[in-house]
Amino acid sequence: MSQFTRPEIQERSEGGRAPDANPIAARGRVASYYELTKPGIAGYVAILAGACYYVASPSGAEILPAVHLLVGASLGTGGALALNQYAERDADAVMHRTRTRPLPSGRLLPREALAFGLLLLLSGVSYLGALVGWLPAVLTAGSAAVYLWAYTPMKSRSYLATVVGAVPGAVPALIGWTAATGRIGLGGMVLFAIAFLWQLPHVLALAWLLQDDYERVGFFMLPSRDPSGVRIGRHMVYHTLSLLGFSVLPTYMGLTGSVYLVGTIVAGALMLRFTVAAAADMNRHRARRVFLYSLLYQPVLLVLMVVDAVRP
């Protein structure tokens, strides 16, 4: 039994469960399976992939291929996220933020989550391969592999997990781009870089807010020996400056117009302002402000990108 596992969780995990006897219980189980997919993150992935598909499409996104892309990406992402909850079920049982999830709360058994996650992941990869393209399917499988076999175990070993974890979070940009073009290309790499860099101040701000939970289970999501937050604040600023630099490139590459350019400069400047303030005096208020603004920044950028996309 893992060092994180509480006895009552272990007992529920190993024991059987009586069959659901009424529709209410059945609906509860469906909701628990749905929760395993982390719908908020899966939705972000679908939106990112869809927006990049639209920007990359020479004549605008066609409805049916776009639907196939969104379905396949959502299935694959939901499966990877469910498998992540399976892998981290013992740690989730200890952290305050996650102990009510389906596995640590005993609403689902580990073997159920494992089978469900594998089914979704394989379905998503197969769906993309059959109806969208082999490259988006390979990228989806590779993203899941990095998320499950690199980022998840690295969280308990190194602060570099924050960088590694941003890779699968940015791959949907490439999935959308390759679904439209059939190749990765420079434009796809620029969109990948924007999605990658956005996540870093976002994740660092969240890690600062949840540092007690992470320390409780031994997750290294913050720099070591940084009680004042000086290093994490500087890292936020560096990542935001890099983000601001990459975010203007789509216009200079002819993918977007001047509306996007002005909007991304304004949005990036605001992000920089919040991260600089956090670096000057890291506290929960300033870290929360960076985190909340980062949640707004990405959808604003994607909307600007889609609205002001330039066609050849």
C-alpha atoms as a PDB file:
ATOM      1  CA  MET A   1       0.000   0.000   0.000  1.00  0.00           C
ATOM      2  CA  SER A   2       1.328   3.447  -0.900  1.00  0.00           C
ATOM      3  CA  GLN A   3       2.473   5.796   1.840  1.00  0.00           C
ATOM      4  CA  PHE A   4      -0.342   8.172   0.839  1.00  0.00           C
ATOM      5  CA  THR A   5      -3.226   5.690   1.044  1.00  0.00           C
ATOM      6  CA  ARG A   6      -5.683   6.162   3.856  1.00  0.00           C
ATOM      7  CA  PRO A   7      -7.064   2.909   5.331  1.00  0.00           C
ATOM      8  CA  GLU A   8     -10.656   3.690   4.461  1.00  0.00           C
ATOM      9  CA  ILE A   9      -9.706   4.426   0.862  1.00  0.00           C
ATOM     10  CA  GLN A  10      -7.779   1.165   0.628  1.00  0.00           C
ATOM     11  CA  GLU A  11     -10.724  -0.759   2.022  1.00  0.00           C
ATOM     12  CA  ARG A  12     -13.098   0.727  -0.546  1.00  0.00           C
ATOM     13  CA  SER A  13     -10.604   0.164  -3.355  1.00  0.00           C
ATOM     14  CA  GLU A  14     -10.104  -3.518  -2.622  1.00  0.00           C
ATOM     15  CA  GLY A  15     -13.646  -4.376  -1.664  1.00  0.00           C
ATOM     16  CA  GLY A  16     -16.585  -4.930  -3.922  1.00  0.00           C
ATOM     17  CA  ARG A  17     -19.495  -2.639  -4.588  1.00  0.00           C
ATOM     18  CA  ALA A  18     -23.126  -3.555  -4.686  1.00  0.00           C
ATOM     19  CA  PRO A  19     -24.775  -2.983  -8.067  1.00  0.00           C
ATOM     20  CA  ASP A  20     -26.440   0.383  -8.499  1.00  0.00           C
ATOM     21  CA  ALA A  21     -30.052  -0.195  -7.574  1.00  0.00           C
ATOM     22  CA  ASN A  22     -31.666   3.022  -8.762  1.00  0.00           C
ATOM     23  CA  PRO A  23     -31.359   5.643 -11.495  1.00  0.00           C
ATOM     24  CA  ILE A  24     -30.040   8.264  -9.078  1.00  0.00           C
ATOM     25  CA  ALA A  25     -27.075   6.061  -8.156  1.00  0.00           C
ATOM     26  CA  ALA A  26     -26.470   5.311 -11.835  1.00  0.00           C
ATOM     27  CA  ARG A  27     -26.463   9.017 -12.670  1.00  0.00           C
ATOM     28  CA  GLY A  28     -23.998   9.545  -9.848  1.00  0.00           C
ATOM     29  CA  ARG A  29     -21.637   7.001 -11.356  1.00  0.00           C
ATOM     30  CA  VAL A  30     -21.932   8.605 -14.786  1.00  0.00           C
ATOM     31  CA  ALA A  31     -21.083  11.962 -13.201  1.00  0.00           C
ATOM     32  CA  SER A  32     -18.069  10.386 -11.492  1.00  0.00           C
ATOM     33  CA  TYR A  33     -16.763   8.997 -14.774  1.00  0.00           C
ATOM     34  CA  TYR A  34     -17.299  12.408 -16.350  1.00  0.00           C
ATOM     35  CA  GLU A  35     -15.361  14.013 -13.502  1.00  0.00           C
ATOM     36  CA  LEU A  36     -12.436  11.684 -14.185  1.00  0.00           C
ATOM     37  CA  THR A  37     -11.931  13.407 -17.544  1.00  0.00           C
ATOM     38  CA  LYS A  38     -11.399  16.831 -15.890  1.00  0.00           C
ATOM     39  CA  PRO A  39     -13.884  18.525 -18.236  1.00  0.00           C
ATOM     40  CA  GLY A  40     -12.413  21.997 -17.772  1.00  0.00           C
ATOM     41  CA  ILE A  41      -8.970  20.942 -18.983  1.00  0.00           C
ATOM     42  CA  ALA A  42     -10.398  18.715 -21.718  1.00  0.00           C
ATOM     43  CA  GLY A  43     -12.515  21.642 -22.894  1.00  0.00           C
ATOM     44  CA  TYR A  44      -9.475  23.928 -22.998  1.00  0.00           C
ATOM     45  CA  VAL A  45      -7.621  21.353 -25.098  1.00  0.00           C
ATOM     46  CA  ALA A  46     -10.510  21.104 -27.567  1.00  0.00           C
ATOM     47  CA  ILE A  47     -10.784  24.896 -27.863  1.00  0.00           C
ATOM     48  CA  LEU A  48      -7.021  25.285 -28.381  1.00  0.00           C
ATOM     49  CA  ALA A  49      -6.932  22.562 -31.039  1.00  0.00           C
ATOM     50  CA  GLY A  50     -10.019  23.978 -32.768  1.00  0.00           C
ATOM     51  CA  ALA A  51      -8.688  27.545 -32.811  1.00  0.00           C
ATOM     52  CA  CYS A  52      -5.330  26.477 -34.248  1.00  0.00           C
ATOM     53  CA  TYR A  53      -7.108  24.337 -36.839  1.00  0.00           C
ATOM     54  CA  TYR A  54      -9.126  27.368 -37.914  1.00  0.00           C
ATOM     55  CA  VAL A  55      -6.073  29.635 -38.121  1.00  0.00           C
ATOM     56  CA  ALA A  56      -4.151  27.051 -40.169  1.00  0.00           C
ATOM     57  CA  SER A  57      -6.990  26.240 -42.593  1.00  0.00           C
ATOM     58  CA  PRO A  58      -6.410  27.980 -45.940  1.00  0.00           C
ATOM     59  CA  SER A  59     -10.130  28.628 -46.490  1.00  0.00           C
ATOM     60  CA  GLY A  60     -11.475  28.517 -42.935  1.00  0.00           C
ATOM     61  CA  ALA A  61     -12.428  25.472 -40.926  1.00  0.00           C
ATOM     62  CA  GLU A  62     -14.853  23.030 -42.498  1.00  0.00           C
ATOM     63  CA  ILE A  63     -17.570  21.903 -40.116  1.00  0.00           C
ATOM     64  CA  LEU A  64     -17.328  18.105 -40.343  1.00  0.00           C
ATOM     65  CA  PRO A  65     -13.507  17.848 -40.112  1.00  0.00           C
ATOM     66  CA  ALA A  66     -13.573  20.317 -37.231  1.00  0.00           C
ATOM     67  CA  VAL A  67     -16.143  18.195 -35.389  1.00  0.00           C
ATOM     68  CA  HIS A  68     -14.033  15.072 -35.928  1.00  0.00           C
ATOM     69  CA  LEU A  69     -10.999  16.924 -34.564  1.00  0.00           C
ATOM     70  CA  LEU A  70     -12.825  18.132 -31.460  1.00  0.00           C
ATOM     71  CA  VAL A  71     -14.330  14.711 -30.737  1.00  0.00           C
ATOM     72  CA  GLY A  72     -11.057  12.853 -31.148  1.00  0.00           C
ATOM     73  CA  ALA A  73      -9.006  15.370 -29.168  1.00  0.00           C
ATOM     74  CA  SER A  74     -11.562  15.424 -26.357  1.00  0.00           C
ATOM     75  CA  LEU A  75     -11.665  11.631 -26.106  1.00  0.00           C
ATOM     76  CA  GLY A  76      -7.887  11.294 -26.100  1.00  0.00           C
ATOM     77  CA  THR A  77      -7.394  14.078 -23.575  1.00  0.00           C
ATOM     78  CA  GLY A  78     -10.149  12.804 -21.302  1.00  0.00           C
ATOM     79  CA  GLY A  79      -8.547   9.367 -21.316  1.00  0.00           C
ATOM     80  CA  ALA A  80      -5.105  10.707 -20.415  1.00  0.00           C
ATOM     81  CA  LEU A  81      -6.573  12.805 -17.601  1.00  0.00           C
ATOM     82  CA  ALA A  82      -8.499   9.830 -16.228  1.00  0.00           C
ATOM     83  CA  LEU A  83      -5.320   7.724 -16.263  1.00  0.00           C
ATOM     84  CA  ASN A  84      -3.518  10.529 -14.438  1.00  0.00           C
ATOM     85  CA  GLN A  85      -6.125  10.411 -11.677  1.00  0.00           C
ATOM     86  CA  TYR A  86      -5.652   6.649 -11.523  1.00  0.00           C
ATOM     87  CA  ALA A  87      -1.877   7.063 -11.167  1.00  0.00           C
ATOM     88  CA  GLU A  88      -2.148   9.790  -8.520  1.00  0.00           C
ATOM     89  CA  ARG A  89      -5.091   8.399  -6.564  1.00  0.00           C
ATOM     90  CA  ASP A  90      -3.090   7.918  -3.348  1.00  0.00           C
ATOM     91  CA  ALA A  91      -1.640  11.424  -3.382  1.00  0.00           C
ATOM     92  CA  ASP A  92      -5.076  12.832  -4.242  1.00  0.00           C
ATOM     93  CA  ALA A  93      -6.462  11.175  -1.109  1.00  0.00           C
ATOM     94  CA  VAL A  94      -4.078  13.260   1.025  1.00  0.00           C
ATOM     95  CA  MET A  95      -4.328  16.680  -0.608  1.00  0.00           C
ATOM     96  CA  HIS A  96      -7.235  18.864   0.487  1.00  0.00           C
ATOM     97  CA  ARG A  97      -7.887  20.096  -3.057  1.00  0.00           C
ATOM     98  CA  THR A  98      -8.271  16.626  -4.554  1.00  0.00           C
ATOM     99  CA  ARG A  99      -9.506  14.265  -1.851  1.00  0.00           C
ATOM    100  CA  THR A 100     -13.123  14.483  -3.042  1.00  0.00           C
ATOM    101  CA  ARG A 101     -12.281  13.227  -6.539  1.00  0.00           C
ATOM    102  CA  PRO A 102     -13.952   9.975  -7.651  1.00  0.00           C
ATOM    103  CA  LEU A 103     -11.105   7.625  -6.672  1.00  0.00           C
ATOM    104  CA  PRO A 104      -9.979   8.960  -3.274  1.00  0.00           C
ATOM    105  CA  SER A 105     -13.624   9.457  -2.258  1.00  0.00           C
ATOM    106  CA  GLY A 106     -14.423   5.849  -3.158  1.00  0.00           C
ATOM    107  CA  ARG A 107     -17.089   6.681  -5.728  1.00  0.00           C
ATOM    108  CA  LEU A 108     -15.196   4.623  -8.318  1.00  0.00           C
ATOM    109  CA  LEU A 109     -12.740   1.751  -8.028  1.00  0.00           C
ATOM    110  CA  PRO A 110      -9.190   2.089  -9.404  1.00  0.00           C
ATOM    111  CA  ARG A 111      -9.707  -0.704 -11.923  1.00  0.00           C
ATOM    112  CA  GLU A 112     -12.790   1.091 -13.247  1.00  0.00           C
ATOM    113  CA  ALA A 113     -10.837   4.318 -13.755  1.00  0.00           C
ATOM    114  CA  LEU A 114      -7.977   2.433 -15.408  1.00  0.00           C
ATOM    115  CA  ALA A 115     -10.272   0.671 -17.883  1.00  0.00           C
ATOM    116  CA  PHE A 116     -12.225   3.852 -18.587  1.00  0.00           C
ATOM    117  CA  GLY A 117      -9.088   5.921 -19.182  1.00  0.00           C
ATOM    118  CA  LEU A 118      -7.524   3.352 -21.495  1.00  0.00           C
ATOM    119  CA  LEU A 119     -10.769   3.032 -23.462  1.00  0.00           C
ATOM    120  CA  LEU A 120     -11.084   6.791 -23.955  1.00  0.00           C
ATOM    121  CA  LEU A 121      -7.429   7.279 -24.885  1.00  0.00           C
ATOM    122  CA  LEU A 122      -7.394   4.445 -27.410  1.00  0.00           C
ATOM    123  CA  SER A 123     -10.739   5.577 -28.832  1.00  0.00           C
ATOM    124  CA  GLY A 124      -9.516   9.149 -29.254  1.00  0.00           C
ATOM    125  CA  VAL A 125      -6.257   8.159 -30.959  1.00  0.00           C
ATOM    126  CA  SER A 126      -8.057   5.690 -33.235  1.00  0.00           C
ATOM    127  CA  TYR A 127     -10.774   8.210 -34.079  1.00  0.00           C
ATOM    128  CA  LEU A 128      -8.238  10.868 -35.037  1.00  0.00           C
ATOM    129  CA  GLY A 129      -6.211   8.391 -37.057  1.00  0.00           C
ATOM    130  CA  ALA A 130      -9.240   7.212 -39.017  1.00  0.00           C
ATOM    131  CA  LEU A 131     -11.086  10.496 -39.583  1.00  0.00           C
ATOM    132  CA  VAL A 132      -8.595  13.357 -39.171  1.00  0.00           C
ATOM    133  CA  GLY A 133      -5.067  12.191 -39.974  1.00  0.00           C
ATOM    134  CA  TRP A 134      -2.228  10.015 -38.767  1.00  0.00           C
ATOM    135  CA  LEU A 135      -0.116  12.957 -37.537  1.00  0.00           C
ATOM    136  CA  PRO A 136      -2.767  14.398 -35.156  1.00  0.00           C
ATOM    137  CA  ALA A 137      -3.284  10.848 -33.837  1.00  0.00           C
ATOM    138  CA  VAL A 138       0.445  10.347 -33.223  1.00  0.00           C
ATOM    139  CA  LEU A 139       0.709  13.728 -31.517  1.00  0.00           C
ATOM    140  CA  THR A 140      -2.234  12.869 -29.258  1.00  0.00           C
ATOM    141  CA  ALA A 141      -0.640   9.561 -28.270  1.00  0.00           C
ATOM    142  CA  GLY A 142       2.727  11.233 -27.713  1.00  0.00           C
ATOM    143  CA  SER A 143       1.170  13.963 -25.591  1.00  0.00           C
ATOM    144  CA  ALA A 144      -0.498  11.356 -23.381  1.00  0.00           C
ATOM    145  CA  ALA A 145       2.802   9.473 -23.048  1.00  0.00           C
ATOM    146  CA  VAL A 146       4.667  12.596 -21.898  1.00  0.00           C
ATOM    147  CA  TYR A 147       1.877  13.488 -19.489  1.00  0.00           C
ATOM    148  CA  LEU A 148       1.639  10.042 -17.897  1.00  0.00           C
ATOM    149  CA  TRP A 149       5.192   8.687 -18.103  1.00  0.00           C
ATOM    150  CA  ALA A 150       7.262  11.863 -17.740  1.00  0.00           C
ATOM    151  CA  TYR A 151       5.314  14.664 -16.054  1.00  0.00           C
ATOM    152  CA  THR A 152       3.333  12.571 -13.559  1.00  0.00           C
ATOM    153  CA  PRO A 153       6.309  10.719 -12.009  1.00  0.00           C
ATOM    154  CA  MET A 154       8.591  13.770 -12.273  1.00  0.00           C
ATOM    155  CA  LYS A 155       6.327  15.824  -9.987  1.00  0.00           C
ATOM    156  CA  SER A 156       7.732  13.942  -6.997  1.00  0.00           C
ATOM    157  CA  ARG A 157      11.351  14.276  -8.200  1.00  0.00           C
ATOM    158  CA  SER A 158      12.104  17.641  -9.768  1.00  0.00           C
ATOM    159  CA  TYR A 159      10.905  21.205 -10.228  1.00  0.00           C
ATOM    160  CA  LEU A 160      11.463  20.641 -13.965  1.00  0.00           C
ATOM    161  CA  ALA A 161       8.097  18.868 -13.906  1.00  0.00           C
ATOM    162  CA  THR A 162       6.466  22.271 -14.402  1.00  0.00           C
ATOM    163  CA  VAL A 163       8.280  22.642 -17.742  1.00  0.00           C
ATOM    164  CA  VAL A 164       7.697  19.053 -18.832  1.00  0.00           C
ATOM    165  CA  GLY A 165       4.010  19.289 -17.924  1.00  0.00           C
ATOM    166  CA  ALA A 166       3.571  22.303 -20.194  1.00  0.00           C
ATOM    167  CA  VAL A 167       4.506  20.200 -23.233  1.00  0.00           C
ATOM    168  CA  PRO A 168       1.328  18.058 -23.375  1.00  0.00           C
ATOM    169  CA  GLY A 169      -0.674  21.168 -22.551  1.00  0.00           C
ATOM    170  CA  ALA A 170       0.668  22.845 -25.698  1.00  0.00           C
ATOM    171  CA  VAL A 171       0.573  19.865 -28.072  1.00  0.00           C
ATOM    172  CA  PRO A 172      -3.136  20.492 -28.898  1.00  0.00           C
ATOM    173  CA  ALA A 173      -1.951  23.536 -30.864  1.00  0.00           C
ATOM    174  CA  LEU A 174       0.058  21.178 -33.066  1.00  0.00           C
ATOM    175  CA  ILE A 175      -2.827  18.720 -33.247  1.00  0.00           C
ATOM    176  CA  GLY A 176      -5.090  21.435 -34.628  1.00  0.00           C
ATOM    177  CA  TRP A 177      -2.431  22.779 -36.966  1.00  0.00           C
ATOM    178  CA  THR A 178      -1.552  19.383 -38.418  1.00  0.00           C
ATOM    179  CA  ALA A 179      -5.223  18.477 -38.807  1.00  0.00           C
ATOM    180  CA  ALA A 180      -5.514  21.424 -41.206  1.00  0.00           C
ATOM    181  CA  THR A 181      -2.152  21.249 -42.983  1.00  0.00           C
ATOM    182  CA  GLY A 182      -0.903  17.677 -42.643  1.00  0.00           C
ATOM    183  CA  ARG A 183       2.462  18.845 -41.301  1.00  0.00           C
ATOM    184  CA  ILE A 184       3.852  20.653 -38.284  1.00  0.00           C
ATOM    185  CA  GLY A 185       5.511  23.643 -39.963  1.00  0.00           C
ATOM    186  CA  LEU A 186       6.872  26.871 -38.503  1.00  0.00           C
ATOM    187  CA  GLY A 187       3.412  28.287 -37.844  1.00  0.00           C
ATOM    188  CA  GLY A 188       2.476  25.241 -35.803  1.00  0.00           C
ATOM    189  CA  MET A 189       5.647  25.550 -33.742  1.00  0.00           C
ATOM    190  CA  VAL A 190       4.936  29.222 -33.001  1.00  0.00           C
ATOM    191  CA  LEU A 191       1.413  28.421 -31.800  1.00  0.00           C
ATOM    192  CA  PHE A 192       2.858  25.563 -29.741  1.00  0.00           C
ATOM    193  CA  ALA A 193       5.370  27.964 -28.152  1.00  0.00           C
ATOM    194  CA  ILE A 194       2.629  30.448 -27.250  1.00  0.00           C
ATOM    195  CA  ALA A 195       0.529  27.732 -25.597  1.00  0.00           C
ATOM    196  CA  PHE A 196       3.610  26.336 -23.850  1.00  0.00           C
ATOM    197  CA  LEU A 197       4.810  29.654 -22.417  1.00  0.00           C
ATOM    198  CA  TRP A 198       1.346  30.732 -21.259  1.00  0.00           C
ATOM    199  CA  GLN A 199       1.127  27.724 -18.977  1.00  0.00           C
ATOM    200  CA  LEU A 200       4.312  28.441 -17.019  1.00  0.00           C
ATOM    201  CA  PRO A 201       3.275  31.570 -15.052  1.00  0.00           C
ATOM    202  CA  HIS A 202      -0.179  30.009 -14.718  1.00  0.00           C
ATOM    203  CA  VAL A 203       1.180  26.786 -13.172  1.00  0.00           C
ATOM    204  CA  LEU A 204       3.728  28.560 -10.979  1.00  0.00           C
ATOM    205  CA  ALA A 205       1.069  30.860  -9.544  1.00  0.00           C
ATOM    206  CA  LEU A 206      -1.156  27.869  -8.817  1.00  0.00           C
ATOM    207  CA  ALA A 207       1.756  25.992  -7.234  1.00  0.00           C
ATOM    208  CA  TRP A 208       2.430  28.917  -4.918  1.00  0.00           C
ATOM    209  CA  LEU A 209      -1.199  28.973  -3.835  1.00  0.00           C
ATOM    210  CA  LEU A 210      -1.233  25.192  -3.259  1.00  0.00           C
ATOM    211  CA  GLN A 211       2.281  24.780  -1.877  1.00  0.00           C
ATOM    212  CA  ASP A 212       1.089  23.305   1.435  1.00  0.00           C
ATOM    213  CA  ASP A 213      -0.854  20.582  -0.371  1.00  0.00           C
ATOM    214  CA  TYR A 214       2.051  19.816  -2.676  1.00  0.00           C
ATOM    215  CA  GLU A 215       4.528  19.669   0.210  1.00  0.00           C
ATOM    216  CA  ARG A 216       2.216  17.265   2.027  1.00  0.00           C
ATOM    217  CA  VAL A 217       2.686  14.649  -0.713  1.00  0.00           C
ATOM    218  CA  GLY A 218       6.207  15.571  -1.804  1.00  0.00           C
ATOM    219  CA  PHE A 219       5.468  17.234  -5.133  1.00  0.00           C
ATOM    220  CA  PHE A 220       8.277  19.545  -6.308  1.00  0.00           C
ATOM    221  CA  MET A 221       6.208  22.136  -8.130  1.00  0.00           C
ATOM    222  CA  LEU A 222       8.223  25.107  -6.816  1.00  0.00           C
ATOM    223  CA  PRO A 223      11.965  25.899  -6.747  1.00  0.00           C
ATOM    224  CA  SER A 224      13.678  24.509  -3.678  1.00  0.00           C
ATOM    225  CA  ARG A 225      14.899  26.848  -0.952  1.00  0.00           C
ATOM    226  CA  ASP A 226      12.714  29.735  -2.061  1.00  0.00           C
ATOM    227  CA  PRO A 227      10.519  30.571   0.948  1.00  0.00           C
ATOM    228  CA  SER A 228      10.082  34.204  -0.076  1.00  0.00           C
ATOM    229  CA  GLY A 229       9.065  33.398  -3.633  1.00  0.00           C
ATOM    230  CA  VAL A 230      11.855  35.466  -5.204  1.00  0.00           C
ATOM    231  CA  ARG A 231      12.886  32.752  -7.690  1.00  0.00           C
ATOM    232  CA  ILE A 232       9.363  31.806  -8.662  1.00  0.00           C
ATOM    233  CA  GLY A 233       8.518  35.471  -9.207  1.00  0.00           C
ATOM    234  CA  ARG A 234      11.520  35.930 -11.485  1.00  0.00           C
ATOM    235  CA  HIS A 235      10.614  32.814 -13.415  1.00  0.00           C
ATOM    236  CA  MET A 236       7.098  34.169 -13.935  1.00  0.00           C
ATOM    237  CA  VAL A 237       8.540  37.375 -15.371  1.00  0.00           C
ATOM    238  CA  TYR A 238      10.992  35.562 -17.666  1.00  0.00           C
ATOM    239  CA  HIS A 239       8.270  33.291 -19.010  1.00  0.00           C
ATOM    240  CA  THR A 240       5.883  36.201 -19.549  1.00  0.00           C
ATOM    241  CA  LEU A 241       8.511  38.199 -21.453  1.00  0.00           C
ATOM    242  CA  SER A 242       9.116  35.170 -23.675  1.00  0.00           C
ATOM    243  CA  LEU A 243       5.367  34.766 -24.143  1.00  0.00           C
ATOM    244  CA  LEU A 244       4.994  38.395 -25.155  1.00  0.00           C
ATOM    245  CA  GLY A 245       7.767  37.988 -27.720  1.00  0.00           C
ATOM    246  CA  PHE A 246       6.315  34.842 -29.302  1.00  0.00           C
ATOM    247  CA  SER A 247       2.712  36.017 -29.220  1.00  0.00           C
ATOM    248  CA  VAL A 248       3.310  38.785 -31.763  1.00  0.00           C
ATOM    249  CA  LEU A 249       4.868  36.408 -34.334  1.00  0.00           C
ATOM    250  CA  PRO A 250       1.593  35.153 -35.891  1.00  0.00           C
ATOM    251  CA  THR A 251       0.986  38.646 -37.302  1.00  0.00           C
ATOM    252  CA  TYR A 252       4.491  38.954 -38.731  1.00  0.00           C
ATOM    253  CA  MET A 253       4.091  35.483 -40.270  1.00  0.00           C
ATOM    254  CA  GLY A 254       0.869  36.540 -41.998  1.00  0.00           C
ATOM    255  CA  LEU A 255      -1.424  34.325 -39.909  1.00  0.00           C
ATOM    256  CA  THR A 256      -3.232  37.169 -38.123  1.00  0.00           C
ATOM    257  CA  GLY A 257      -3.853  40.858 -38.634  1.00  0.00           C
ATOM    258  CA  SER A 258      -3.298  44.094 -36.754  1.00  0.00           C
ATOM    259  CA  VAL A 259      -6.276  43.640 -34.420  1.00  0.00           C
ATOM    260  CA  TYR A 260      -4.701  40.500 -33.019  1.00  0.00           C
ATOM    261  CA  LEU A 261      -1.317  42.225 -32.797  1.00  0.00           C
ATOM    262  CA  VAL A 262      -2.606  45.143 -30.744  1.00  0.00           C
ATOM    263  CA  GLY A 263      -4.730  42.867 -28.564  1.00  0.00           C
ATOM    264  CA  THR A 264      -1.927  40.439 -27.790  1.00  0.00           C
ATOM    265  CA  ILE A 265       0.475  43.265 -26.899  1.00  0.00           C
ATOM    266  CA  VAL A 266      -2.070  44.756 -24.495  1.00  0.00           C
ATOM    267  CA  ALA A 267      -2.912  41.366 -22.969  1.00  0.00           C
ATOM    268  CA  GLY A 268       0.752  40.454 -22.640  1.00  0.00           C
ATOM    269  CA  ALA A 269       1.611  43.803 -21.060  1.00  0.00           C
ATOM    270  CA  LEU A 270      -1.063  43.249 -18.419  1.00  0.00           C
ATOM    271  CA  MET A 271       0.284  39.765 -17.711  1.00  0.00           C
ATOM    272  CA  LEU A 272       3.769  41.228 -17.374  1.00  0.00           C
ATOM    273  CA  ARG A 273       2.511  43.875 -14.970  1.00  0.00           C
ATOM    274  CA  PHE A 274       0.961  41.243 -12.692  1.00  0.00           C
ATOM    275  CA  THR A 275       4.017  38.972 -12.754  1.00  0.00           C
ATOM    276  CA  VAL A 276       6.410  41.870 -12.070  1.00  0.00           C
ATOM    277  CA  ALA A 277       4.298  42.854  -9.058  1.00  0.00           C
ATOM    278  CA  ALA A 278       4.364  39.257  -7.828  1.00  0.00           C
ATOM    279  CA  ALA A 279       8.138  39.087  -8.274  1.00  0.00           C
ATOM    280  CA  ALA A 280       8.572  42.274  -6.231  1.00  0.00           C
ATOM    281  CA  ASP A 281       6.573  40.888  -3.293  1.00  0.00           C
ATOM    282  CA  MET A 282       5.248  37.347  -3.658  1.00  0.00           C
ATOM    283  CA  ASN A 283       2.141  36.727  -1.569  1.00  0.00           C
ATOM    284  CA  ARG A 284      -1.126  34.872  -1.964  1.00  0.00           C
ATOM    285  CA  HIS A 285      -2.995  37.909  -3.252  1.00  0.00           C
ATOM    286  CA  ARG A 286      -0.511  38.632  -6.024  1.00  0.00           C
ATOM    287  CA  ALA A 287      -0.086  34.974  -6.945  1.00  0.00           C
ATOM    288  CA  ARG A 288      -3.883  34.598  -7.174  1.00  0.00           C
ATOM    289  CA  ARG A 289      -4.059  37.668  -9.386  1.00  0.00           C
ATOM    290  CA  VAL A 290      -1.512  36.138 -11.801  1.00  0.00           C
ATOM    291  CA  PHE A 291      -3.408  32.847 -11.772  1.00  0.00           C
ATOM    292  CA  LEU A 292      -6.817  34.394 -12.410  1.00  0.00           C
ATOM    293  CA  TYR A 293      -5.557  36.704 -15.132  1.00  0.00           C
ATOM    294  CA  SER A 294      -3.798  33.818 -16.856  1.00  0.00           C
ATOM    295  CA  LEU A 295      -7.163  32.037 -17.031  1.00  0.00           C
ATOM    296  CA  LEU A 296      -8.547  35.045 -18.906  1.00  0.00           C
ATOM    297  CA  TYR A 297      -5.482  35.645 -21.069  1.00  0.00           C
ATOM    298  CA  GLN A 298      -5.542  32.447 -23.103  1.00  0.00           C
ATOM    299  CA  PRO A 299      -9.190  32.554 -24.275  1.00  0.00           C
ATOM    300  CA  VAL A 300      -8.827  36.247 -25.104  1.00  0.00           C
ATOM    301  CA  LEU A 301      -5.772  35.460 -27.226  1.00  0.00           C
ATOM    302  CA  LEU A 302      -7.537  32.587 -29.013  1.00  0.00           C
ATOM    303  CA  VAL A 303     -10.602  34.726 -29.749  1.00  0.00           C
ATOM    304  CA  LEU A 304      -8.391  37.466 -31.196  1.00  0.00           C
ATOM    305  CA  MET A 305      -6.534  34.875 -33.242  1.00  0.00           C
ATOM    306  CA  VAL A 306      -9.721  33.391 -34.695  1.00  0.00           C
ATOM    307  CA  VAL A 307     -11.470  36.712 -35.324  1.00  0.00           C
ATOM    308  CA  ASP A 308      -8.440  38.258 -37.019  1.00  0.00           C
ATOM    309  CA  ALA A 309      -7.135  35.193 -38.891  1.00  0.00           C
ATOM    310  CA  VAL A 310      -5.718  36.079 -42.299  1.00  0.00           C
ATOM    311  CA  ARG A 311      -6.387  33.831 -45.296  1.00  0.00           C
ATOM    312  CA  PRO A 312      -3.881  33.481 -48.147  1.00  0.00           C
END
